[in-house]
N, C-alpha and C. Protein backbone atom coordinates (compact mmCIF):
# COMPACT_ATOMS: atom_id res chain seq x y z
N UNK A 1 -7.24 -21.91 29.88
CA UNK A 1 -5.80 -21.68 29.98
C UNK A 1 -5.41 -20.56 29.02
N UNK A 2 -4.53 -19.68 29.45
CA UNK A 2 -4.06 -18.59 28.61
C UNK A 2 -2.54 -18.55 28.62
N UNK A 3 -1.98 -17.94 27.58
CA UNK A 3 -0.53 -17.71 27.57
C UNK A 3 -0.21 -16.68 28.64
N UNK A 4 0.91 -16.84 29.31
CA UNK A 4 1.26 -15.96 30.43
C UNK A 4 1.71 -14.57 29.95
N UNK A 5 2.36 -14.49 28.80
CA UNK A 5 2.82 -13.19 28.30
C UNK A 5 1.66 -12.37 27.77
N UNK A 6 1.58 -11.09 28.20
CA UNK A 6 0.48 -10.27 27.70
C UNK A 6 0.86 -8.84 27.34
N UNK A 7 2.02 -8.36 27.78
CA UNK A 7 2.41 -6.98 27.47
C UNK A 7 3.92 -6.85 27.64
N UNK A 8 4.54 -6.02 26.79
CA UNK A 8 5.97 -5.74 26.93
C UNK A 8 6.18 -4.24 26.84
N UNK A 9 7.27 -3.77 27.44
CA UNK A 9 7.65 -2.37 27.35
C UNK A 9 9.14 -2.29 27.06
N UNK A 10 9.48 -1.58 26.00
CA UNK A 10 10.87 -1.41 25.58
C UNK A 10 11.36 -0.06 26.11
N UNK A 11 12.36 -0.06 26.99
CA UNK A 11 12.87 1.19 27.56
C UNK A 11 13.53 2.08 26.50
N UNK A 12 13.27 3.38 26.59
CA UNK A 12 13.90 4.33 25.67
C UNK A 12 14.37 5.55 26.45
N UNK A 13 15.38 6.23 25.92
CA UNK A 13 15.83 7.49 26.51
C UNK A 13 15.40 8.69 25.67
N UNK A 14 15.21 8.49 24.38
CA UNK A 14 14.78 9.54 23.47
C UNK A 14 13.55 9.02 22.72
N UNK A 15 12.36 9.40 23.19
CA UNK A 15 11.11 8.86 22.64
C UNK A 15 10.96 9.18 21.16
N UNK A 16 11.28 10.40 20.75
CA UNK A 16 11.11 10.77 19.35
C UNK A 16 12.02 9.92 18.45
N UNK A 17 13.26 9.73 18.85
CA UNK A 17 14.20 8.90 18.08
C UNK A 17 13.70 7.45 18.03
N UNK A 18 13.23 6.93 19.14
CA UNK A 18 12.75 5.54 19.19
C UNK A 18 11.52 5.36 18.31
N UNK A 19 10.59 6.30 18.36
CA UNK A 19 9.40 6.21 17.51
C UNK A 19 9.80 6.25 16.04
N UNK A 20 10.71 7.14 15.69
CA UNK A 20 11.17 7.22 14.29
C UNK A 20 11.79 5.90 13.85
N UNK A 21 12.62 5.30 14.71
CA UNK A 21 13.27 4.03 14.38
C UNK A 21 12.25 2.91 14.19
N UNK A 22 11.41 2.67 15.19
CA UNK A 22 10.46 1.55 15.12
C UNK A 22 9.41 1.77 14.03
N UNK A 23 9.02 3.01 13.78
CA UNK A 23 8.09 3.30 12.69
C UNK A 23 8.70 2.95 11.35
N UNK A 24 9.98 3.30 11.15
CA UNK A 24 10.66 3.02 9.89
C UNK A 24 10.88 1.52 9.69
N UNK A 25 11.25 0.82 10.75
CA UNK A 25 11.56 -0.61 10.63
C UNK A 25 10.31 -1.45 10.44
N UNK A 26 9.25 -1.16 11.19
CA UNK A 26 8.06 -2.02 11.17
C UNK A 26 6.87 -1.41 10.44
N UNK A 27 7.02 -0.21 9.89
CA UNK A 27 5.96 0.47 9.14
C UNK A 27 4.67 0.54 9.97
N UNK A 28 4.79 1.09 11.17
CA UNK A 28 3.65 1.21 12.08
C UNK A 28 3.58 2.63 12.64
N UNK A 29 2.41 2.96 13.20
CA UNK A 29 2.23 4.23 13.89
C UNK A 29 1.96 3.96 15.36
N UNK A 30 2.40 4.86 16.20
CA UNK A 30 2.26 4.71 17.64
C UNK A 30 1.23 5.69 18.19
N UNK A 31 0.60 5.30 19.29
CA UNK A 31 -0.27 6.19 20.04
C UNK A 31 0.50 6.62 21.29
N UNK A 32 0.73 7.93 21.43
CA UNK A 32 1.49 8.44 22.58
C UNK A 32 0.55 8.73 23.73
N UNK A 33 0.94 8.25 24.94
CA UNK A 33 0.14 8.45 26.14
C UNK A 33 1.07 8.64 27.34
N UNK A 34 0.52 9.15 28.41
CA UNK A 34 1.20 9.24 29.71
C UNK A 34 0.52 8.23 30.63
N UNK A 35 1.31 7.36 31.27
CA UNK A 35 0.76 6.39 32.21
C UNK A 35 1.60 6.46 33.49
N UNK A 36 0.96 6.83 34.57
CA UNK A 36 1.61 6.88 35.88
C UNK A 36 2.92 7.69 35.84
N UNK A 37 2.89 8.80 35.14
CA UNK A 37 4.06 9.67 35.07
C UNK A 37 5.12 9.25 34.07
N UNK A 38 4.87 8.18 33.32
CA UNK A 38 5.82 7.70 32.31
C UNK A 38 5.29 8.01 30.92
N UNK A 39 6.21 8.35 30.03
CA UNK A 39 5.87 8.60 28.63
C UNK A 39 5.84 7.27 27.90
N UNK A 40 4.74 6.98 27.21
CA UNK A 40 4.59 5.72 26.48
C UNK A 40 4.20 5.99 25.03
N UNK A 41 4.64 5.10 24.17
CA UNK A 41 4.19 5.08 22.78
C UNK A 41 3.72 3.66 22.53
N UNK A 42 2.42 3.49 22.38
CA UNK A 42 1.81 2.16 22.28
C UNK A 42 1.94 1.60 20.87
N UNK A 43 2.40 0.35 20.78
CA UNK A 43 2.39 -0.36 19.51
C UNK A 43 0.93 -0.59 19.12
N UNK A 44 0.63 -0.66 17.81
CA UNK A 44 -0.75 -0.94 17.40
C UNK A 44 -1.22 -2.27 17.98
N UNK A 45 -2.46 -2.31 18.44
CA UNK A 45 -3.07 -3.53 18.96
C UNK A 45 -4.34 -3.77 18.16
N UNK A 46 -4.37 -4.87 17.44
CA UNK A 46 -5.49 -5.18 16.56
C UNK A 46 -6.44 -6.12 17.29
N UNK A 47 -7.69 -5.68 17.48
CA UNK A 47 -8.69 -6.51 18.15
C UNK A 47 -8.85 -7.84 17.44
N UNK A 48 -8.83 -8.92 18.20
CA UNK A 48 -9.04 -10.25 17.64
C UNK A 48 -7.80 -10.90 17.06
N UNK A 49 -6.71 -10.15 16.95
CA UNK A 49 -5.47 -10.72 16.40
C UNK A 49 -4.67 -11.37 17.52
N UNK A 50 -3.87 -12.37 17.16
CA UNK A 50 -3.01 -13.01 18.15
C UNK A 50 -1.87 -12.07 18.54
N UNK A 51 -1.29 -12.32 19.68
CA UNK A 51 -0.15 -11.53 20.13
C UNK A 51 -0.52 -10.65 21.30
N UNK A 52 0.47 -9.98 21.85
CA UNK A 52 0.26 -9.17 23.04
C UNK A 52 0.46 -7.69 22.74
N UNK A 53 0.10 -6.87 23.71
CA UNK A 53 0.30 -5.44 23.56
C UNK A 53 1.73 -5.07 23.94
N UNK A 54 2.15 -3.90 23.50
CA UNK A 54 3.50 -3.46 23.80
C UNK A 54 3.62 -1.95 23.69
N UNK A 55 4.72 -1.43 24.21
CA UNK A 55 4.94 0.01 24.19
C UNK A 55 6.42 0.33 24.26
N UNK A 56 6.77 1.48 23.72
CA UNK A 56 8.05 2.11 24.02
C UNK A 56 7.81 2.87 25.31
N UNK A 57 8.75 2.85 26.24
CA UNK A 57 8.50 3.45 27.55
C UNK A 57 9.69 4.29 28.00
N UNK A 58 9.39 5.53 28.42
CA UNK A 58 10.42 6.43 28.92
C UNK A 58 10.01 6.92 30.31
N UNK A 59 10.89 6.70 31.26
CA UNK A 59 10.63 7.12 32.64
C UNK A 59 11.80 6.70 33.51
N UNK A 60 11.74 7.08 34.77
CA UNK A 60 12.85 6.84 35.69
C UNK A 60 13.25 5.37 35.80
N UNK A 61 12.29 4.46 35.78
CA UNK A 61 12.60 3.04 35.96
C UNK A 61 12.91 2.31 34.65
N UNK A 62 12.86 3.00 33.53
CA UNK A 62 13.10 2.38 32.22
C UNK A 62 14.52 2.66 31.76
N UNK A 63 15.36 1.63 31.74
CA UNK A 63 16.77 1.77 31.38
C UNK A 63 17.09 0.82 30.23
N UNK A 64 17.38 1.34 29.04
CA UNK A 64 17.74 0.47 27.92
C UNK A 64 18.95 -0.39 28.25
N UNK A 65 18.98 -1.61 27.71
CA UNK A 65 20.09 -2.52 28.00
C UNK A 65 20.19 -3.63 26.97
N UNK A 66 21.42 -4.08 26.74
CA UNK A 66 21.64 -5.28 25.93
C UNK A 66 21.49 -6.54 26.77
N UNK A 67 21.51 -6.38 28.07
CA UNK A 67 21.44 -7.51 29.00
C UNK A 67 20.02 -7.68 29.52
N UNK A 68 19.73 -8.85 30.03
CA UNK A 68 18.43 -9.07 30.66
C UNK A 68 17.42 -9.67 29.70
N UNK A 69 16.18 -9.27 29.87
CA UNK A 69 15.07 -9.84 29.10
C UNK A 69 15.26 -9.62 27.61
N UNK A 70 14.94 -10.63 26.84
CA UNK A 70 15.02 -10.57 25.38
C UNK A 70 13.61 -10.66 24.81
N UNK A 71 13.22 -9.66 24.05
CA UNK A 71 11.90 -9.63 23.43
C UNK A 71 12.02 -10.10 21.99
N UNK A 72 11.15 -11.02 21.59
CA UNK A 72 11.08 -11.48 20.21
C UNK A 72 9.86 -10.88 19.55
N UNK A 73 10.06 -10.19 18.44
CA UNK A 73 8.97 -9.63 17.66
C UNK A 73 8.81 -10.47 16.40
N UNK A 74 7.57 -10.86 16.09
CA UNK A 74 7.34 -11.67 14.90
C UNK A 74 7.24 -10.77 13.67
N UNK A 75 7.82 -11.24 12.59
CA UNK A 75 7.83 -10.49 11.33
C UNK A 75 7.53 -11.43 10.16
N UNK A 76 7.04 -10.86 9.07
CA UNK A 76 6.72 -11.64 7.88
C UNK A 76 7.94 -11.92 7.01
N UNK A 77 8.88 -10.99 6.97
CA UNK A 77 10.05 -11.11 6.10
C UNK A 77 11.28 -10.68 6.91
N UNK A 78 11.89 -11.62 7.58
CA UNK A 78 12.97 -11.32 8.52
C UNK A 78 14.18 -10.67 7.84
N UNK A 79 14.48 -11.08 6.61
CA UNK A 79 15.61 -10.49 5.88
C UNK A 79 15.35 -9.00 5.62
N UNK A 80 14.14 -8.65 5.17
CA UNK A 80 13.80 -7.26 4.87
C UNK A 80 13.78 -6.43 6.15
N UNK A 81 13.15 -6.97 7.21
CA UNK A 81 13.05 -6.21 8.46
C UNK A 81 14.44 -5.96 9.05
N UNK A 82 15.30 -6.95 8.99
CA UNK A 82 16.66 -6.76 9.51
C UNK A 82 17.40 -5.71 8.68
N UNK A 83 17.25 -5.76 7.37
CA UNK A 83 17.89 -4.75 6.51
C UNK A 83 17.35 -3.36 6.83
N UNK A 84 16.03 -3.24 7.04
CA UNK A 84 15.43 -1.96 7.39
C UNK A 84 15.95 -1.46 8.74
N UNK A 85 16.10 -2.37 9.69
CA UNK A 85 16.61 -1.99 11.02
C UNK A 85 18.04 -1.45 10.91
N UNK A 86 18.88 -2.14 10.16
CA UNK A 86 20.27 -1.70 10.01
C UNK A 86 20.33 -0.36 9.28
N UNK A 87 19.48 -0.17 8.28
CA UNK A 87 19.43 1.10 7.55
C UNK A 87 18.96 2.25 8.44
N UNK A 88 18.13 1.92 9.43
CA UNK A 88 17.58 2.94 10.33
C UNK A 88 18.48 3.23 11.53
N UNK A 89 19.64 2.57 11.60
CA UNK A 89 20.59 2.87 12.66
C UNK A 89 20.84 1.76 13.67
N UNK A 90 20.24 0.59 13.47
CA UNK A 90 20.48 -0.53 14.38
C UNK A 90 21.88 -1.10 14.16
N UNK A 91 22.34 -1.84 15.16
CA UNK A 91 23.62 -2.54 15.06
C UNK A 91 23.34 -4.04 15.09
N UNK A 92 23.93 -4.78 14.16
CA UNK A 92 23.74 -6.22 14.08
C UNK A 92 24.34 -6.91 15.30
N UNK A 93 23.54 -7.74 15.97
CA UNK A 93 24.03 -8.53 17.10
C UNK A 93 24.07 -10.01 16.76
N UNK A 94 23.09 -10.48 15.98
CA UNK A 94 23.01 -11.90 15.60
C UNK A 94 22.36 -11.94 14.22
N UNK A 95 23.08 -12.42 13.21
CA UNK A 95 22.55 -12.37 11.85
C UNK A 95 21.35 -13.30 11.68
N UNK A 96 20.61 -13.07 10.61
CA UNK A 96 19.47 -13.95 10.29
C UNK A 96 20.00 -15.37 10.20
N UNK A 97 19.45 -16.23 11.06
CA UNK A 97 19.96 -17.60 11.19
C UNK A 97 18.81 -18.57 11.37
N UNK A 98 18.86 -19.65 10.62
CA UNK A 98 17.89 -20.73 10.81
C UNK A 98 18.40 -21.56 11.98
N UNK A 99 17.61 -21.66 13.06
CA UNK A 99 18.06 -22.35 14.26
C UNK A 99 17.29 -23.65 14.51
N UNK A 100 16.36 -23.95 13.67
CA UNK A 100 15.58 -25.18 13.78
C UNK A 100 14.94 -25.46 12.44
N UNK A 101 14.22 -26.55 12.38
CA UNK A 101 13.60 -26.94 11.11
C UNK A 101 12.73 -25.84 10.52
N UNK A 102 12.01 -25.12 11.38
CA UNK A 102 11.12 -24.07 10.88
C UNK A 102 11.29 -22.77 11.64
N UNK A 103 12.46 -22.55 12.24
CA UNK A 103 12.66 -21.36 13.06
C UNK A 103 13.83 -20.54 12.52
N UNK A 104 13.55 -19.28 12.20
CA UNK A 104 14.59 -18.34 11.77
C UNK A 104 14.53 -17.12 12.69
N UNK A 105 15.68 -16.72 13.21
CA UNK A 105 15.75 -15.60 14.14
C UNK A 105 16.89 -14.65 13.75
N UNK A 106 16.88 -13.48 14.35
CA UNK A 106 17.96 -12.50 14.19
C UNK A 106 17.85 -11.54 15.37
N UNK A 107 18.93 -10.80 15.65
CA UNK A 107 18.91 -9.82 16.74
C UNK A 107 19.66 -8.56 16.33
N UNK A 108 19.16 -7.43 16.82
CA UNK A 108 19.84 -6.16 16.61
C UNK A 108 19.79 -5.33 17.88
N UNK A 109 20.68 -4.34 17.95
CA UNK A 109 20.64 -3.34 19.01
C UNK A 109 19.91 -2.14 18.43
N UNK A 110 18.83 -1.72 19.07
CA UNK A 110 18.07 -0.58 18.56
C UNK A 110 18.80 0.73 18.85
N UNK A 111 18.22 1.84 18.43
CA UNK A 111 18.85 3.15 18.61
C UNK A 111 18.93 3.57 20.07
N UNK A 112 18.21 2.87 20.94
CA UNK A 112 18.21 3.20 22.37
C UNK A 112 19.18 2.35 23.17
N UNK A 113 19.72 1.28 22.55
CA UNK A 113 20.66 0.41 23.25
C UNK A 113 20.08 -0.90 23.73
N UNK A 114 18.87 -1.25 23.27
CA UNK A 114 18.23 -2.51 23.66
C UNK A 114 18.53 -3.63 22.67
N UNK A 115 18.59 -4.85 23.18
CA UNK A 115 18.68 -6.05 22.33
C UNK A 115 17.25 -6.44 21.95
N UNK A 116 16.98 -6.45 20.65
CA UNK A 116 15.67 -6.83 20.14
C UNK A 116 15.86 -8.01 19.20
N UNK A 117 15.05 -9.04 19.40
CA UNK A 117 15.13 -10.24 18.57
C UNK A 117 13.94 -10.29 17.61
N UNK A 118 14.19 -10.85 16.44
CA UNK A 118 13.14 -11.05 15.44
C UNK A 118 12.92 -12.55 15.28
N UNK A 119 11.68 -12.92 15.04
CA UNK A 119 11.30 -14.31 14.80
C UNK A 119 10.46 -14.33 13.54
N UNK A 120 10.89 -15.11 12.55
CA UNK A 120 10.15 -15.17 11.29
C UNK A 120 8.76 -15.72 11.53
N UNK A 121 7.75 -15.04 11.03
CA UNK A 121 6.35 -15.38 11.29
C UNK A 121 5.96 -16.74 10.72
N UNK A 122 6.71 -17.27 9.79
CA UNK A 122 6.37 -18.56 9.18
C UNK A 122 6.20 -19.65 10.23
N UNK A 123 6.97 -19.61 11.32
CA UNK A 123 6.84 -20.66 12.33
C UNK A 123 5.56 -20.51 13.13
N UNK A 124 5.03 -19.28 13.18
CA UNK A 124 3.81 -19.06 13.96
C UNK A 124 2.58 -19.62 13.25
N UNK A 125 2.70 -19.87 11.95
CA UNK A 125 1.58 -20.40 11.18
C UNK A 125 1.45 -21.90 11.31
N UNK A 126 2.51 -22.56 11.79
CA UNK A 126 2.47 -24.03 11.91
C UNK A 126 1.55 -24.48 13.02
């Protein structure tokens, strides 16, 4: 049996701006590629680590939105990551909030207009 989720793509209109934002917030580097005529910037994928692959995606069918699918990204320090996101140009949508005994979440609008949710990594260790 496997988890059904395996890859996500975050729509962007300005790839350079999106890479700058996500690099600043998550302290990561992207690999830029072209796939089927679409511009992609791949999130780092660590062999043997838990989690799925992901990319920033720019192309005709990729439209940033606050509505629709909500992606949760796991982080080690949700307060710091949210502060970094806001400093990098994000807009607060849902403040850092404990929603369960061991669950803390937050949401922001990225520089492209997408709703992105954060999930504190502490719950993933349980």
